[in-house]
Structures are given as structure tokens and as C-alpha cells.
N, C-alpha and C. Protein backbone atom coordinates (compact mmCIF):
# COMPACT_ATOMS: atom_id res chain seq x y z
N MET A 1 190.54 65.31 -4.26
CA MET A 1 191.39 64.64 -3.32
C MET A 1 192.33 65.67 -2.72
N THR A 2 192.63 65.56 -1.43
CA THR A 2 193.60 66.43 -0.80
C THR A 2 194.63 65.60 -0.07
N THR A 3 195.88 66.03 -0.12
CA THR A 3 196.95 65.42 0.66
C THR A 3 197.83 66.54 1.17
N THR A 4 198.68 66.22 2.14
CA THR A 4 199.53 67.28 2.66
C THR A 4 200.72 67.48 1.74
N ASN A 5 201.26 68.68 1.76
CA ASN A 5 202.43 68.99 0.93
C ASN A 5 203.68 68.32 1.47
N ARG A 6 203.66 67.89 2.72
CA ARG A 6 204.80 67.17 3.27
C ARG A 6 204.98 65.81 2.59
N ASP A 7 203.88 65.30 2.00
CA ASP A 7 203.93 64.02 1.30
C ASP A 7 204.65 64.11 -0.04
N LEU A 8 204.88 65.34 -0.53
CA LEU A 8 205.48 65.56 -1.85
C LEU A 8 206.65 66.53 -1.74
N PRO A 9 207.73 66.14 -1.08
CA PRO A 9 208.82 67.09 -0.83
C PRO A 9 209.56 67.56 -2.07
N SER A 10 209.51 66.82 -3.16
CA SER A 10 210.30 67.21 -4.34
C SER A 10 209.49 67.96 -5.39
N VAL A 11 208.25 68.30 -5.08
CA VAL A 11 207.40 69.01 -6.04
C VAL A 11 207.83 70.47 -6.13
N THR A 12 207.95 70.98 -7.35
CA THR A 12 208.25 72.39 -7.59
C THR A 12 206.95 73.12 -7.84
N TRP A 13 206.69 74.14 -7.02
CA TRP A 13 205.45 74.92 -7.12
C TRP A 13 205.70 76.22 -7.86
N VAL A 14 204.72 76.63 -8.68
CA VAL A 14 204.82 77.84 -9.49
C VAL A 14 203.57 78.68 -9.23
N LYS A 15 203.77 79.99 -9.04
CA LYS A 15 202.62 80.88 -8.84
C LYS A 15 201.81 81.00 -10.12
N SER A 16 200.52 80.96 -9.97
CA SER A 16 199.62 81.15 -11.10
C SER A 16 199.74 82.56 -11.64
N SER A 17 199.59 82.71 -12.94
CA SER A 17 199.61 84.05 -13.52
C SER A 17 198.37 84.83 -13.13
N TYR A 18 197.38 84.17 -12.55
CA TYR A 18 196.16 84.85 -12.10
C TYR A 18 196.25 85.29 -10.65
N SER A 19 197.36 85.01 -9.97
CA SER A 19 197.53 85.50 -8.60
C SER A 19 197.82 86.99 -8.66
N ASN A 20 197.33 87.73 -7.68
CA ASN A 20 197.62 89.17 -7.73
C ASN A 20 199.05 89.41 -7.29
N GLY A 21 199.66 90.48 -7.74
CA GLY A 21 201.06 90.77 -7.49
C GLY A 21 201.37 91.28 -6.11
N GLU A 22 200.35 91.45 -5.28
CA GLU A 22 200.55 92.00 -3.95
C GLU A 22 200.69 90.92 -2.88
N GLY A 23 200.68 89.66 -3.27
CA GLY A 23 200.88 88.58 -2.33
C GLY A 23 199.65 88.16 -1.56
N ALA A 24 198.50 88.69 -1.90
CA ALA A 24 197.30 88.37 -1.13
C ALA A 24 196.58 87.14 -1.66
N GLU A 25 196.28 87.10 -2.93
CA GLU A 25 195.50 86.01 -3.49
C GLU A 25 196.39 85.15 -4.38
N CYS A 26 197.20 84.32 -3.76
CA CYS A 26 198.19 83.55 -4.52
C CYS A 26 197.83 82.07 -4.58
N VAL A 27 197.72 81.59 -5.79
CA VAL A 27 197.48 80.18 -6.04
C VAL A 27 198.73 79.64 -6.72
N GLU A 28 199.17 78.47 -6.30
CA GLU A 28 200.33 77.84 -6.92
C GLU A 28 199.92 76.48 -7.47
N TRP A 29 200.65 76.04 -8.49
CA TRP A 29 200.42 74.71 -9.03
C TRP A 29 201.76 74.08 -9.36
N ALA A 30 201.76 72.79 -9.66
CA ALA A 30 203.00 72.04 -9.89
C ALA A 30 202.99 71.49 -11.32
N PRO A 31 203.44 72.30 -12.31
CA PRO A 31 203.36 71.87 -13.71
C PRO A 31 204.23 70.66 -14.05
N GLU A 32 205.39 70.53 -13.43
CA GLU A 32 206.25 69.37 -13.72
C GLU A 32 205.58 68.08 -13.26
N HIS A 33 204.96 68.13 -12.07
CA HIS A 33 204.24 66.96 -11.56
C HIS A 33 203.09 66.61 -12.49
N ALA A 34 202.37 67.62 -12.98
CA ALA A 34 201.25 67.40 -13.89
C ALA A 34 201.73 66.72 -15.18
N ALA A 35 202.85 67.17 -15.71
CA ALA A 35 203.38 66.60 -16.95
C ALA A 35 203.79 65.14 -16.76
N LEU A 36 204.31 64.81 -15.58
CA LEU A 36 204.78 63.45 -15.31
C LEU A 36 203.65 62.49 -14.97
N THR A 37 202.64 62.97 -14.25
CA THR A 37 201.63 62.07 -13.69
C THR A 37 200.22 62.27 -14.22
N GLY A 38 199.94 63.42 -14.81
CA GLY A 38 198.58 63.74 -15.21
C GLY A 38 197.74 64.32 -14.09
N GLU A 39 198.28 64.37 -12.86
CA GLU A 39 197.60 64.98 -11.72
C GLU A 39 198.03 66.43 -11.60
N VAL A 40 197.08 67.34 -11.49
CA VAL A 40 197.40 68.75 -11.36
C VAL A 40 197.24 69.13 -9.89
N LEU A 41 198.35 69.48 -9.25
CA LEU A 41 198.34 69.86 -7.84
C LEU A 41 198.17 71.37 -7.73
N VAL A 42 197.30 71.82 -6.82
CA VAL A 42 197.01 73.24 -6.63
C VAL A 42 197.02 73.51 -5.13
N ARG A 43 197.64 74.64 -4.73
CA ARG A 43 197.67 74.99 -3.30
C ARG A 43 197.59 76.50 -3.12
N ASP A 44 197.30 76.89 -1.90
CA ASP A 44 197.29 78.30 -1.48
C ASP A 44 198.70 78.64 -1.02
N SER A 45 199.33 79.62 -1.63
CA SER A 45 200.72 79.93 -1.29
C SER A 45 200.88 80.51 0.11
N LYS A 46 199.79 81.02 0.67
CA LYS A 46 199.88 81.57 2.03
C LYS A 46 200.00 80.48 3.09
N THR A 47 199.60 79.26 2.73
CA THR A 47 199.69 78.12 3.65
C THR A 47 200.33 76.94 2.93
N PRO A 48 201.62 77.04 2.60
CA PRO A 48 202.26 76.02 1.77
C PRO A 48 202.36 74.63 2.40
N HIS A 49 202.27 74.54 3.72
CA HIS A 49 202.37 73.22 4.35
C HIS A 49 201.00 72.62 4.66
N ALA A 50 199.96 73.34 4.29
CA ALA A 50 198.60 72.81 4.47
C ALA A 50 198.29 71.84 3.33
N ARG A 51 197.10 71.36 3.31
CA ARG A 51 196.68 70.44 2.25
C ARG A 51 196.58 71.15 0.90
N HIS A 52 196.70 70.37 -0.16
CA HIS A 52 196.54 70.90 -1.52
C HIS A 52 195.48 70.08 -2.24
N LEU A 53 195.01 70.58 -3.35
CA LEU A 53 194.07 69.85 -4.19
C LEU A 53 194.82 69.05 -5.24
N THR A 54 194.30 67.89 -5.56
CA THR A 54 194.79 67.10 -6.68
C THR A 54 193.65 67.01 -7.68
N LEU A 55 193.85 67.60 -8.85
CA LEU A 55 192.80 67.70 -9.85
C LEU A 55 193.16 66.92 -11.11
N THR A 56 192.15 66.52 -11.85
CA THR A 56 192.39 65.99 -13.19
C THR A 56 192.67 67.19 -14.10
N SER A 57 193.20 66.93 -15.26
CA SER A 57 193.47 68.04 -16.18
C SER A 57 192.17 68.72 -16.59
N GLU A 58 191.08 67.96 -16.70
CA GLU A 58 189.79 68.55 -17.05
C GLU A 58 189.29 69.46 -15.93
N SER A 59 189.43 69.03 -14.69
CA SER A 59 189.01 69.84 -13.55
C SER A 59 189.86 71.11 -13.45
N PHE A 60 191.15 70.98 -13.72
CA PHE A 60 192.03 72.14 -13.68
C PHE A 60 191.64 73.14 -14.76
N ALA A 61 191.31 72.64 -15.94
CA ALA A 61 190.87 73.52 -17.03
C ALA A 61 189.61 74.27 -16.62
N GLY A 62 188.71 73.61 -15.92
CA GLY A 62 187.51 74.26 -15.42
C GLY A 62 187.83 75.33 -14.40
N LEU A 63 188.79 75.07 -13.53
CA LEU A 63 189.22 76.05 -12.54
C LEU A 63 189.82 77.28 -13.22
N VAL A 64 190.64 77.07 -14.24
CA VAL A 64 191.23 78.18 -14.98
C VAL A 64 190.14 78.99 -15.68
N SER A 65 189.16 78.32 -16.27
CA SER A 65 188.06 79.02 -16.93
C SER A 65 187.28 79.87 -15.92
N LEU A 66 187.06 79.33 -14.74
CA LEU A 66 186.37 80.08 -13.69
C LEU A 66 187.18 81.30 -13.29
N ALA A 67 188.49 81.15 -13.13
CA ALA A 67 189.36 82.27 -12.76
C ALA A 67 189.33 83.36 -13.83
N LYS A 68 189.35 82.95 -15.08
CA LYS A 68 189.30 83.92 -16.18
C LYS A 68 187.98 84.67 -16.19
N ALA A 69 186.90 83.97 -15.92
CA ALA A 69 185.57 84.58 -15.96
C ALA A 69 185.33 85.55 -14.80
N HIS A 70 185.98 85.28 -13.67
CA HIS A 70 185.74 86.10 -12.47
C HIS A 70 186.96 86.88 -12.03
N GLY A 71 188.06 86.80 -12.78
CA GLY A 71 189.30 87.47 -12.40
C GLY A 71 189.34 88.84 -12.86
């Protein structure tokens, strides 16, 4: 599912530890929102007002596993 970030003005976004430090490949997620709702929000930090992904915790775990395997 995707929605715009304008729909969630109070969400706090955190850069993934797998983002590179040079600002090029930055993925952000919203851990507080995940803890409250069970929905894991993920977005590209280069386009913060664009759409984001809404994942289940299982899908997010799969995404993290993929990043670890190819990072």
C-alpha cells in the first residue's frame, strides 16, 4: 500500500542504518508509528513528500533481510 507523506504529518522518520553515509541511498522508516499501529512505513529520504510504502512487520523483516544480503 502507498499513501502520501502529507497524510501523516506527525510521523517521525528515522534513517535506516543501511543507508550510506553520503546521502545517496537513504531509506527512512517510522519506528514509533510501527510500535503504535503495527504498520511499518518506509520512504526514500531524497523525496520525503512523495509516496511511501506501508508494510506489515513480516514484509519489513523481509526487506531488511534483503538489504543485509545485498548491502
